[in-house]
Amino acid sequence: MNMKSINLIQLSIEDLGTIIREAVALEFQKLQIPKKVKSEDSNNDLLTREEAKKLLRLSYTTLWKYNKDKVLKAKKIGSRVYYLKSEIMNLLNDKTA
């Protein structure tokens, strides 16, 4: 049987709060996803669904349909969905030409 030991120390509520805040902040830093694909071109920025929706002035449903119909290709990182800014700009240029 594996025995675990628990050490009890006396902490103030403020100290415990500080320790928790620092631990949570550290975990959030680990979870942050880079906003750029490795490239010098700023058009390779990754945009969130919200940013793509605002830039294209579309609904989430239309954005999903564009992805389904391969008009615009989504990139998934974990459970998050991103779009390349360059692809969105190309789509906008094609629609206005």
C-alpha atoms as a PDB file:
ATOM      1  CA  MET A   1       0.000   0.000   0.000  1.00  0.00           C
ATOM      2  CA  ASN A   2       1.347   3.406  -1.023  1.00  0.00           C
ATOM      3  CA  MET A   3       1.295   5.879   1.861  1.00  0.00           C
ATOM      4  CA  LYS A   4       1.260   9.609   1.181  1.00  0.00           C
ATOM      5  CA  SER A   5       2.205  12.119   3.795  1.00  0.00           C
ATOM      6  CA  ILE A   6       0.523  15.445   4.363  1.00  0.00           C
ATOM      7  CA  ASN A   7       2.424  18.298   5.936  1.00  0.00           C
ATOM      8  CA  LEU A   8       0.267  20.934   7.545  1.00  0.00           C
ATOM      9  CA  ILE A   9       1.665  24.417   7.912  1.00  0.00           C
ATOM     10  CA  GLN A  10       0.085  27.548   9.184  1.00  0.00           C
ATOM     11  CA  LEU A  11      -0.630  30.121   6.452  1.00  0.00           C
ATOM     12  CA  SER A  12      -2.570  33.325   6.510  1.00  0.00           C
ATOM     13  CA  ILE A  13      -5.480  33.726   4.115  1.00  0.00           C
ATOM     14  CA  GLU A  14      -3.512  36.393   2.217  1.00  0.00           C
ATOM     15  CA  ASP A  15      -0.500  34.080   1.801  1.00  0.00           C
ATOM     16  CA  LEU A  16      -2.704  31.241   0.574  1.00  0.00           C
ATOM     17  CA  GLY A  17      -4.415  33.599  -1.871  1.00  0.00           C
ATOM     18  CA  THR A  18      -1.057  34.760  -3.203  1.00  0.00           C
ATOM     19  CA  ILE A  19       0.164  31.190  -3.685  1.00  0.00           C
ATOM     20  CA  ILE A  20      -3.037  30.241  -5.536  1.00  0.00           C
ATOM     21  CA  ARG A  21      -2.922  33.360  -7.767  1.00  0.00           C
ATOM     22  CA  GLU A  22       0.723  32.690  -8.702  1.00  0.00           C
ATOM     23  CA  ALA A  23       0.005  29.040  -9.485  1.00  0.00           C
ATOM     24  CA  VAL A  24      -3.026  29.894 -11.633  1.00  0.00           C
ATOM     25  CA  ALA A  25      -1.115  32.651 -13.484  1.00  0.00           C
ATOM     26  CA  LEU A  26       1.702  30.203 -14.228  1.00  0.00           C
ATOM     27  CA  GLU A  27      -0.736  27.628 -15.617  1.00  0.00           C
ATOM     28  CA  PHE A  28      -2.418  30.259 -17.816  1.00  0.00           C
ATOM     29  CA  GLN A  29       0.981  31.235 -19.218  1.00  0.00           C
ATOM     30  CA  LYS A  30       1.619  27.605 -20.143  1.00  0.00           C
ATOM     31  CA  LEU A  31      -1.723  27.398 -21.976  1.00  0.00           C
ATOM     32  CA  GLN A  32      -1.285  30.502 -24.124  1.00  0.00           C
ATOM     33  CA  ILE A  33      -1.183  29.734 -27.843  1.00  0.00           C
ATOM     34  CA  PRO A  34       1.087  31.739 -30.136  1.00  0.00           C
ATOM     35  CA  LYS A  35      -0.841  34.140 -32.378  1.00  0.00           C
ATOM     36  CA  LYS A  36       1.567  33.877 -35.329  1.00  0.00           C
ATOM     37  CA  VAL A  37       2.753  31.125 -37.591  1.00  0.00           C
ATOM     38  CA  LYS A  38       6.554  31.223 -37.871  1.00  0.00           C
ATOM     39  CA  SER A  39       7.049  33.629 -40.756  1.00  0.00           C
ATOM     40  CA  GLU A  40       8.111  37.193 -41.375  1.00  0.00           C
ATOM     41  CA  ASP A  41       4.902  37.885 -43.292  1.00  0.00           C
ATOM     42  CA  SER A  42       2.334  39.483 -41.005  1.00  0.00           C
ATOM     43  CA  ASN A  43      -0.448  38.095 -43.225  1.00  0.00           C
ATOM     44  CA  ASN A  44       0.219  34.680 -41.693  1.00  0.00           C
ATOM     45  CA  ASP A  45      -1.290  35.806 -38.408  1.00  0.00           C
ATOM     46  CA  LEU A  46      -3.760  33.396 -36.911  1.00  0.00           C
ATOM     47  CA  LEU A  47      -7.187  34.863 -36.299  1.00  0.00           C
ATOM     48  CA  THR A  48      -9.751  33.447 -33.924  1.00  0.00           C
ATOM     49  CA  ARG A  49     -13.260  32.626 -35.125  1.00  0.00           C
ATOM     50  CA  GLU A  50     -14.462  35.879 -33.566  1.00  0.00           C
ATOM     51  CA  GLU A  51     -11.797  37.945 -35.374  1.00  0.00           C
ATOM     52  CA  ALA A  52     -12.458  36.191 -38.697  1.00  0.00           C
ATOM     53  CA  LYS A  53     -16.204  36.698 -38.282  1.00  0.00           C
ATOM     54  CA  LYS A  54     -15.759  40.428 -37.653  1.00  0.00           C
ATOM     55  CA  LEU A  55     -13.274  40.878 -40.513  1.00  0.00           C
ATOM     56  CA  LEU A  56     -15.518  39.080 -43.009  1.00  0.00           C
ATOM     57  CA  ARG A  57     -18.723  40.469 -41.487  1.00  0.00           C
ATOM     58  CA  LEU A  58     -20.254  36.997 -41.404  1.00  0.00           C
ATOM     59  CA  SER A  59     -22.123  34.920 -38.878  1.00  0.00           C
ATOM     60  CA  TYR A  60     -20.564  31.895 -37.185  1.00  0.00           C
ATOM     61  CA  THR A  61     -22.886  29.705 -39.252  1.00  0.00           C
ATOM     62  CA  THR A  62     -21.623  31.148 -42.545  1.00  0.00           C
ATOM     63  CA  LEU A  63     -18.033  30.865 -41.350  1.00  0.00           C
ATOM     64  CA  TRP A  64     -18.678  27.199 -40.528  1.00  0.00           C
ATOM     65  CA  LYS A  65     -20.275  26.684 -43.967  1.00  0.00           C
ATOM     66  CA  TYR A  66     -17.264  28.294 -45.678  1.00  0.00           C
ATOM     67  CA  ASN A  67     -15.053  25.838 -43.822  1.00  0.00           C
ATOM     68  CA  LYS A  68     -17.303  22.894 -44.731  1.00  0.00           C
ATOM     69  CA  ASP A  69     -17.402  23.944 -48.409  1.00  0.00           C
ATOM     70  CA  LYS A  70     -13.604  24.507 -48.356  1.00  0.00           C
ATOM     71  CA  VAL A  71     -13.962  28.174 -49.242  1.00  0.00           C
ATOM     72  CA  LEU A  72     -11.932  29.003 -46.146  1.00  0.00           C
ATOM     73  CA  LYS A  73      -9.784  26.418 -44.367  1.00  0.00           C
ATOM     74  CA  ALA A  74      -9.813  26.346 -40.561  1.00  0.00           C
ATOM     75  CA  LYS A  75      -6.743  25.410 -38.528  1.00  0.00           C
ATOM     76  CA  LYS A  76      -7.320  23.584 -35.253  1.00  0.00           C
ATOM     77  CA  ILE A  77      -4.911  23.880 -32.360  1.00  0.00           C
ATOM     78  CA  GLY A  78      -6.195  21.704 -29.575  1.00  0.00           C
ATOM     79  CA  SER A  79      -9.895  22.431 -29.367  1.00  0.00           C
ATOM     80  CA  ARG A  80      -9.551  25.983 -30.700  1.00  0.00           C
ATOM     81  CA  VAL A  81     -10.245  27.038 -34.289  1.00  0.00           C
ATOM     82  CA  TYR A  82      -8.116  29.602 -36.129  1.00  0.00           C
ATOM     83  CA  TYR A  83      -7.967  31.032 -39.643  1.00  0.00           C
ATOM     84  CA  LEU A  84      -4.964  32.397 -41.525  1.00  0.00           C
ATOM     85  CA  LYS A  85      -5.292  36.121 -42.093  1.00  0.00           C
ATOM     86  CA  SER A  86      -3.697  35.727 -45.541  1.00  0.00           C
ATOM     87  CA  GLU A  87      -6.465  33.302 -46.601  1.00  0.00           C
ATOM     88  CA  ILE A  88      -9.136  35.692 -45.368  1.00  0.00           C
ATOM     89  CA  MET A  89      -7.515  38.596 -47.226  1.00  0.00           C
ATOM     90  CA  ASN A  90      -7.336  36.487 -50.402  1.00  0.00           C
ATOM     91  CA  LEU A  91     -11.013  35.643 -50.001  1.00  0.00           C
ATOM     92  CA  LEU A  92     -11.881  39.319 -49.579  1.00  0.00           C
ATOM     93  CA  ASN A  93      -9.779  40.272 -52.634  1.00  0.00           C
ATOM     94  CA  ASP A  94     -11.442  37.563 -54.740  1.00  0.00           C
ATOM     95  CA  LYS A  95     -14.927  38.703 -53.709  1.00  0.00           C
ATOM     96  CA  THR A  96     -14.247  42.368 -54.511  1.00  0.00           C
ATOM     97  CA  ALA A  97     -12.551  41.734 -57.881  1.00  0.00           C
END
